[in-house]
PDB file of all heavy atoms in Angstrom:
ATOM      1  N   LEU A   1      12.929  -7.883  35.411  1.00  0.00           N
ATOM      2  CA  LEU A   1      12.918  -8.195  36.846  1.00  0.00           C
ATOM      3  C   LEU A   1      14.166  -7.663  37.540  1.00  0.00           C
ATOM      4  O   LEU A   1      14.100  -7.139  38.651  1.00  0.00           O
ATOM      5  CB  LEU A   1      12.814  -9.710  37.045  1.00  0.00           C
ATOM      6  CG  LEU A   1      11.449 -10.346  36.721  1.00  0.00           C
ATOM      7  CD1 LEU A   1      11.534 -11.859  36.779  1.00  0.00           C
ATOM      8  CD2 LEU A   1      10.397  -9.827  37.704  1.00  0.00           C
ATOM      9  N   LEU A   2      15.298  -7.784  36.870  1.00  0.00           N
ATOM     10  CA  LEU A   2      16.541  -7.266  37.446  1.00  0.00           C
ATOM     11  C   LEU A   2      16.495  -5.756  37.607  1.00  0.00           C
ATOM     12  O   LEU A   2      16.953  -5.198  38.610  1.00  0.00           O
ATOM     13  CB  LEU A   2      17.729  -7.673  36.563  1.00  0.00           C
ATOM     14  CG  LEU A   2      18.090  -9.155  36.573  1.00  0.00           C
ATOM     15  CD1 LEU A   2      19.183  -9.437  35.542  1.00  0.00           C
ATOM     16  CD2 LEU A   2      18.552  -9.588  37.965  1.00  0.00           C
ATOM     17  N   VAL A   3      15.933  -5.088  36.609  1.00  0.00           N
ATOM     18  CA  VAL A   3      15.789  -3.635  36.680  1.00  0.00           C
ATOM     19  C   VAL A   3      14.864  -3.257  37.831  1.00  0.00           C
ATOM     20  O   VAL A   3      15.146  -2.348  38.614  1.00  0.00           O
ATOM     21  CB  VAL A   3      15.250  -3.079  35.347  1.00  0.00           C
ATOM     22  CG1 VAL A   3      14.845  -1.619  35.505  1.00  0.00           C
ATOM     23  CG2 VAL A   3      16.299  -3.227  34.254  1.00  0.00           C
ATOM     24  N   ALA A   4      13.749  -3.993  37.957  1.00  0.00           N
ATOM     25  CA  ALA A   4      12.760  -3.686  38.991  1.00  0.00           C
ATOM     26  C   ALA A   4      13.319  -3.897  40.386  1.00  0.00           C
ATOM     27  O   ALA A   4      12.890  -3.247  41.344  1.00  0.00           O
ATOM     28  CB  ALA A   4      11.514  -4.540  38.782  1.00  0.00           C
ATOM     29  N   GLN A   5      14.281  -4.821  40.516  1.00  0.00           N
ATOM     30  CA  GLN A   5      14.835  -5.141  41.828  1.00  0.00           C
ATOM     31  C   GLN A   5      16.041  -4.286  42.189  1.00  0.00           C
ATOM     32  O   GLN A   5      16.631  -4.473  43.243  1.00  0.00           O
ATOM     33  CB  GLN A   5      15.210  -6.629  41.865  1.00  0.00           C
ATOM     34  CG  GLN A   5      14.004  -7.559  41.814  1.00  0.00           C
ATOM     35  CD  GLN A   5      14.386  -9.005  41.657  1.00  0.00           C
ATOM     36  OE1 GLN A   5      15.568  -9.354  41.587  1.00  0.00           O
ATOM     37  NE2 GLN A   5      13.385  -9.883  41.595  1.00  0.00           N
ATOM     38  N   ASN A   6      16.401  -3.373  41.348  1.00  0.00           N
ATOM     39  CA  ASN A   6      17.563  -2.524  41.587  1.00  0.00           C
ATOM     40  C   ASN A   6      17.093  -1.148  42.057  1.00  0.00           C
ATOM     41  O   ASN A   6      16.484  -0.403  41.279  1.00  0.00           O
ATOM     42  CB  ASN A   6      18.383  -2.398  40.302  1.00  0.00           C
ATOM     43  CG  ASN A   6      19.703  -1.693  40.539  1.00  0.00           C
ATOM     44  OD1 ASN A   6      19.864  -0.928  41.495  1.00  0.00           O
ATOM     45  ND2 ASN A   6      20.669  -1.952  39.674  1.00  0.00           N
ATOM     46  N   PRO A   7      17.371  -0.762  43.313  1.00  0.00           N
ATOM     47  CA  PRO A   7      16.896   0.541  43.809  1.00  0.00           C
ATOM     48  C   PRO A   7      17.484   1.720  43.042  1.00  0.00           C
ATOM     49  O   PRO A   7      16.844   2.766  42.908  1.00  0.00           O
ATOM     50  CB  PRO A   7      17.343   0.544  45.268  1.00  0.00           C
ATOM     51  CG  PRO A   7      18.446  -0.455  45.353  1.00  0.00           C
ATOM     52  CD  PRO A   7      18.110  -1.513  44.346  1.00  0.00           C
ATOM     53  N   VAL A   8      18.685   1.549  42.510  1.00  0.00           N
ATOM     54  CA  VAL A   8      19.325   2.636  41.756  1.00  0.00           C
ATOM     55  C   VAL A   8      18.490   2.982  40.530  1.00  0.00           C
ATOM     56  O   VAL A   8      18.328   4.159  40.176  1.00  0.00           O
ATOM     57  CB  VAL A   8      20.755   2.243  41.344  1.00  0.00           C
ATOM     58  CG1 VAL A   8      21.367   3.307  40.434  1.00  0.00           C
ATOM     59  CG2 VAL A   8      21.621   2.053  42.580  1.00  0.00           C
ATOM     60  N   ASN A   9      17.936   1.961  39.901  1.00  0.00           N
ATOM     61  CA  ASN A   9      17.106   2.205  38.721  1.00  0.00           C
ATOM     62  C   ASN A   9      15.835   2.960  39.087  1.00  0.00           C
ATOM     63  O   ASN A   9      15.391   3.851  38.353  1.00  0.00           O
ATOM     64  CB  ASN A   9      16.749   0.883  38.044  1.00  0.00           C
ATOM     65  CG  ASN A   9      17.950   0.206  37.416  1.00  0.00           C
ATOM     66  OD1 ASN A   9      18.870   0.869  36.958  1.00  0.00           O
ATOM     67  ND2 ASN A   9      17.959  -1.117  37.417  1.00  0.00           N
ATOM     68  N   HIS A  10      15.237   2.607  40.216  1.00  0.00           N
ATOM     69  CA  HIS A  10      14.033   3.308  40.642  1.00  0.00           C
ATOM     70  C   HIS A  10      14.337   4.777  40.976  1.00  0.00           C
ATOM     71  O   HIS A  10      13.537   5.662  40.674  1.00  0.00           O
ATOM     72  CB  HIS A  10      13.417   2.605  41.849  1.00  0.00           C
ATOM     73  CG  HIS A  10      12.637   1.373  41.507  1.00  0.00           C
ATOM     74  ND1 HIS A  10      11.497   1.413  40.735  1.00  0.00           N
ATOM     75  CD2 HIS A  10      12.845   0.073  41.814  1.00  0.00           C
ATOM     76  CE1 HIS A  10      11.021   0.188  40.595  1.00  0.00           C
ATOM     77  NE2 HIS A  10      11.824  -0.642  41.227  1.00  0.00           N
ATOM     78  N   VAL A  11      15.475   5.011  41.602  1.00  0.00           N
ATOM     79  CA  VAL A  11      15.862   6.395  41.902  1.00  0.00           C
ATOM     80  C   VAL A  11      16.037   7.179  40.612  1.00  0.00           C
ATOM     81  O   VAL A  11      15.585   8.330  40.490  1.00  0.00           O
ATOM     82  CB  VAL A  11      17.153   6.432  42.749  1.00  0.00           C
ATOM     83  CG1 VAL A  11      17.681   7.875  42.851  1.00  0.00           C
ATOM     84  CG2 VAL A  11      16.897   5.871  44.137  1.00  0.00           C
ATOM     85  N   ALA A  12      16.672   6.544  39.620  1.00  0.00           N
ATOM     86  CA  ALA A  12      16.868   7.220  38.333  1.00  0.00           C
ATOM     87  C   ALA A  12      15.532   7.528  37.670  1.00  0.00           C
ATOM     88  O   ALA A  12      15.351   8.610  37.087  1.00  0.00           O
ATOM     89  CB  ALA A  12      17.730   6.355  37.414  1.00  0.00           C
ATOM     90  N   LEU A  13      14.589   6.598  37.767  1.00  0.00           N
ATOM     91  CA  LEU A  13      13.262   6.847  37.201  1.00  0.00           C
ATOM     92  C   LEU A  13      12.560   7.976  37.950  1.00  0.00           C
ATOM     93  O   LEU A  13      11.862   8.804  37.343  1.00  0.00           O
ATOM     94  CB  LEU A  13      12.424   5.562  37.257  1.00  0.00           C
ATOM     95  CG  LEU A  13      12.834   4.457  36.283  1.00  0.00           C
ATOM     96  CD1 LEU A  13      12.104   3.159  36.615  1.00  0.00           C
ATOM     97  CD2 LEU A  13      12.552   4.879  34.843  1.00  0.00           C
ATOM     98  N   GLY A  14      12.724   8.023  39.260  1.00  0.00           N
ATOM     99  CA  GLY A  14      12.150   9.119  40.036  1.00  0.00           C
ATOM    100  C   GLY A  14      12.743  10.457  39.631  1.00  0.00           C
ATOM    101  O   GLY A  14      12.023  11.454  39.475  1.00  0.00           O
ATOM    102  N   ASP A  15      14.054  10.475  39.433  1.00  0.00           N
ATOM    103  CA  ASP A  15      14.720  11.702  39.001  1.00  0.00           C
ATOM    104  C   ASP A  15      14.191  12.161  37.639  1.00  0.00           C
ATOM    105  O   ASP A  15      14.013  13.371  37.397  1.00  0.00           O
ATOM    106  CB  ASP A  15      16.228  11.490  38.908  1.00  0.00           C
ATOM    107  CG  ASP A  15      16.883  11.243  40.258  1.00  0.00           C
ATOM    108  OD1 ASP A  15      16.220  11.461  41.300  1.00  0.00           O
ATOM    109  OD2 ASP A  15      18.052  10.823  40.274  1.00  0.00           O
ATOM    110  N   SER A  16      13.946  11.218  36.764  1.00  0.00           N
ATOM    111  CA  SER A  16      13.511  11.567  35.411  1.00  0.00           C
ATOM    112  C   SER A  16      12.103  12.155  35.401  1.00  0.00           C
ATOM    113  O   SER A  16      11.726  12.839  34.447  1.00  0.00           O
ATOM    114  CB  SER A  16      13.574  10.337  34.497  1.00  0.00           C
ATOM    115  OG  SER A  16      12.602   9.371  34.870  1.00  0.00           O
ATOM    116  N   ALA A  17      11.316  11.879  36.451  1.00  0.00           N
ATOM    117  CA  ALA A  17       9.959  12.445  36.521  1.00  0.00           C
ATOM    118  C   ALA A  17      10.001  13.953  36.687  1.00  0.00           C
ATOM    119  O   ALA A  17       9.092  14.664  36.258  1.00  0.00           O
ATOM    120  CB  ALA A  17       9.173  11.797  37.660  1.00  0.00           C
ATOM    121  N   GLY A  18      11.059  14.457  37.316  1.00  0.00           N
ATOM    122  CA  GLY A  18      11.225  15.901  37.469  1.00  0.00           C
ATOM    123  C   GLY A  18      10.343  16.491  38.551  1.00  0.00           C
ATOM    124  O   GLY A  18       9.462  15.835  39.122  1.00  0.00           O
ATOM    125  N   LEU A  19      10.582  17.776  38.836  1.00  0.00           N
ATOM    126  CA  LEU A  19       9.869  18.473  39.903  1.00  0.00           C
ATOM    127  C   LEU A  19       8.432  18.805  39.537  1.00  0.00           C
ATOM    128  O   LEU A  19       7.637  19.167  40.408  1.00  0.00           O
ATOM    129  CB  LEU A  19      10.618  19.758  40.276  1.00  0.00           C
ATOM    130  CG  LEU A  19      12.031  19.563  40.833  1.00  0.00           C
ATOM    131  CD1 LEU A  19      12.674  20.918  41.105  1.00  0.00           C
ATOM    132  CD2 LEU A  19      12.023  18.718  42.089  1.00  0.00           C
ATOM    133  N   MET A  20       8.083  18.656  38.269  1.00  0.00           N
ATOM    134  CA  MET A  20       6.705  18.918  37.862  1.00  0.00           C
ATOM    135  C   MET A  20       5.782  17.740  38.153  1.00  0.00           C
ATOM    136  O   MET A  20       4.564  17.876  38.108  1.00  0.00           O
ATOM    137  CB  MET A  20       6.652  19.256  36.373  1.00  0.00           C
ATOM    138  CG  MET A  20       7.330  20.568  36.011  1.00  0.00           C
ATOM    139  SD  MET A  20       6.479  22.014  36.686  1.00  0.00           S
ATOM    140  CE  MET A  20       5.070  22.117  35.574  1.00  0.00           C
ATOM    141  N   HIS A  21       6.372  16.588  38.473  1.00  0.00           N
ATOM    142  CA  HIS A  21       5.564  15.390  38.722  1.00  0.00           C
ATOM    143  C   HIS A  21       6.047  14.691  40.001  1.00  0.00           C
ATOM    144  O   HIS A  21       6.515  13.538  39.952  1.00  0.00           O
ATOM    145  CB  HIS A  21       5.634  14.443  37.531  1.00  0.00           C
ATOM    146  CG  HIS A  21       5.207  15.068  36.237  1.00  0.00           C
ATOM    147  ND1 HIS A  21       3.878  15.293  35.929  1.00  0.00           N
ATOM    148  CD2 HIS A  21       5.933  15.533  35.192  1.00  0.00           C
ATOM    149  CE1 HIS A  21       3.802  15.865  34.745  1.00  0.00           C
ATOM    150  NE2 HIS A  21       5.025  16.027  34.274  1.00  0.00           N
ATOM    151  N   PRO A  22       5.946  15.346  41.136  1.00  0.00           N
ATOM    152  CA  PRO A  22       6.463  14.752  42.371  1.00  0.00           C
ATOM    153  C   PRO A  22       5.736  13.481  42.787  1.00  0.00           C
ATOM    154  O   PRO A  22       6.324  12.621  43.450  1.00  0.00           O
ATOM    155  CB  PRO A  22       6.275  15.861  43.410  1.00  0.00           C
ATOM    156  CG  PRO A  22       5.179  16.718  42.860  1.00  0.00           C
ATOM    157  CD  PRO A  22       5.374  16.687  41.382  1.00  0.00           C
ATOM    158  N   ASP A  23       4.472  13.341  42.399  1.00  0.00           N
ATOM    159  CA  ASP A  23       3.741  12.116  42.740  1.00  0.00           C
ATOM    160  C   ASP A  23       4.347  10.907  42.035  1.00  0.00           C
ATOM    161  O   ASP A  23       4.492   9.834  42.637  1.00  0.00           O
ATOM    162  CB  ASP A  23       2.264  12.265  42.382  1.00  0.00           C
ATOM    163  CG  ASP A  23       2.028  12.678  40.934  1.00  0.00           C
ATOM    164  OD1 ASP A  23       2.925  13.314  40.329  1.00  0.00           O
ATOM    165  OD2 ASP A  23       0.936  12.364  40.406  1.00  0.00           O
ATOM    166  N   VAL A  24       4.713  11.086  40.769  1.00  0.00           N
ATOM    167  CA  VAL A  24       5.354  10.012  40.017  1.00  0.00           C
ATOM    168  C   VAL A  24       6.735   9.714  40.599  1.00  0.00           C
ATOM    169  O   VAL A  24       7.111   8.554  40.815  1.00  0.00           O
ATOM    170  CB  VAL A  24       5.480  10.377  38.531  1.00  0.00           C
ATOM    171  CG1 VAL A  24       6.224   9.283  37.763  1.00  0.00           C
ATOM    172  CG2 VAL A  24       4.091  10.614  37.922  1.00  0.00           C
ATOM    173  N   ALA A  25       7.496  10.774  40.872  1.00  0.00           N
ATOM    174  CA  ALA A  25       8.828  10.602  41.447  1.00  0.00           C
ATOM    175  C   ALA A  25       8.749   9.866  42.779  1.00  0.00           C
ATOM    176  O   ALA A  25       9.539   8.957  43.054  1.00  0.00           O
ATOM    177  CB  ALA A  25       9.493  11.965  41.631  1.00  0.00           C
ATOM    178  N   LEU A  26       7.781  10.244  43.605  1.00  0.00           N
ATOM    179  CA  LEU A  26       7.640   9.623  44.923  1.00  0.00           C
ATOM    180  C   LEU A  26       7.408   8.125  44.814  1.00  0.00           C
ATOM    181  O   LEU A  26       7.982   7.344  45.584  1.00  0.00           O
ATOM    182  CB  LEU A  26       6.499  10.296  45.692  1.00  0.00           C
ATOM    183  CG  LEU A  26       6.192   9.730  47.079  1.00  0.00           C
ATOM    184  CD1 LEU A  26       7.405   9.860  47.995  1.00  0.00           C
ATOM    185  CD2 LEU A  26       4.974  10.431  47.685  1.00  0.00           C
ATOM    186  N   ARG A  27       6.579   7.711  43.878  1.00  0.00           N
ATOM    187  CA  ARG A  27       6.311   6.278  43.732  1.00  0.00           C
ATOM    188  C   ARG A  27       7.589   5.502  43.421  1.00  0.00           C
ATOM    189  O   ARG A  27       7.810   4.409  43.942  1.00  0.00           O
ATOM    190  CB  ARG A  27       5.268   6.041  42.637  1.00  0.00           C
ATOM    191  CG  ARG A  27       3.860   6.450  43.041  1.00  0.00           C
ATOM    192  CD  ARG A  27       2.825   5.833  42.116  1.00  0.00           C
ATOM    193  NE  ARG A  27       2.904   6.346  40.755  1.00  0.00           N
ATOM    194  CZ  ARG A  27       2.253   7.429  40.328  1.00  0.00           C
ATOM    195  NH1 ARG A  27       1.508   8.132  41.175  1.00  0.00           N
ATOM    196  NH2 ARG A  27       2.356   7.821  39.063  1.00  0.00           N
ATOM    197  N   HIS A  28       8.453   6.073  42.594  1.00  0.00           N
ATOM    198  CA  HIS A  28       9.700   5.396  42.267  1.00  0.00           C
ATOM    199  C   HIS A  28      10.652   5.375  43.460  1.00  0.00           C
ATOM    200  O   HIS A  28      11.303   4.353  43.727  1.00  0.00           O
ATOM    201  CB  HIS A  28      10.363   6.064  41.070  1.00  0.00           C
ATOM    202  CG  HIS A  28       9.687   5.771  39.768  1.00  0.00           C
ATOM    203  ND1 HIS A  28       9.618   4.499  39.244  1.00  0.00           N
ATOM    204  CD2 HIS A  28       9.027   6.572  38.879  1.00  0.00           C
ATOM    205  CE1 HIS A  28       8.964   4.519  38.096  1.00  0.00           C
ATOM    206  NE2 HIS A  28       8.592   5.774  37.851  1.00  0.00           N
TER     207      HIS A  28
END
């Protein structure tokens, strides 16, 4: 829950999706 509530973590997950998966990155 703490991870889910931290925007920094979501940004990091979006970054990890990479440019090949912009739909996944966008959701994060």
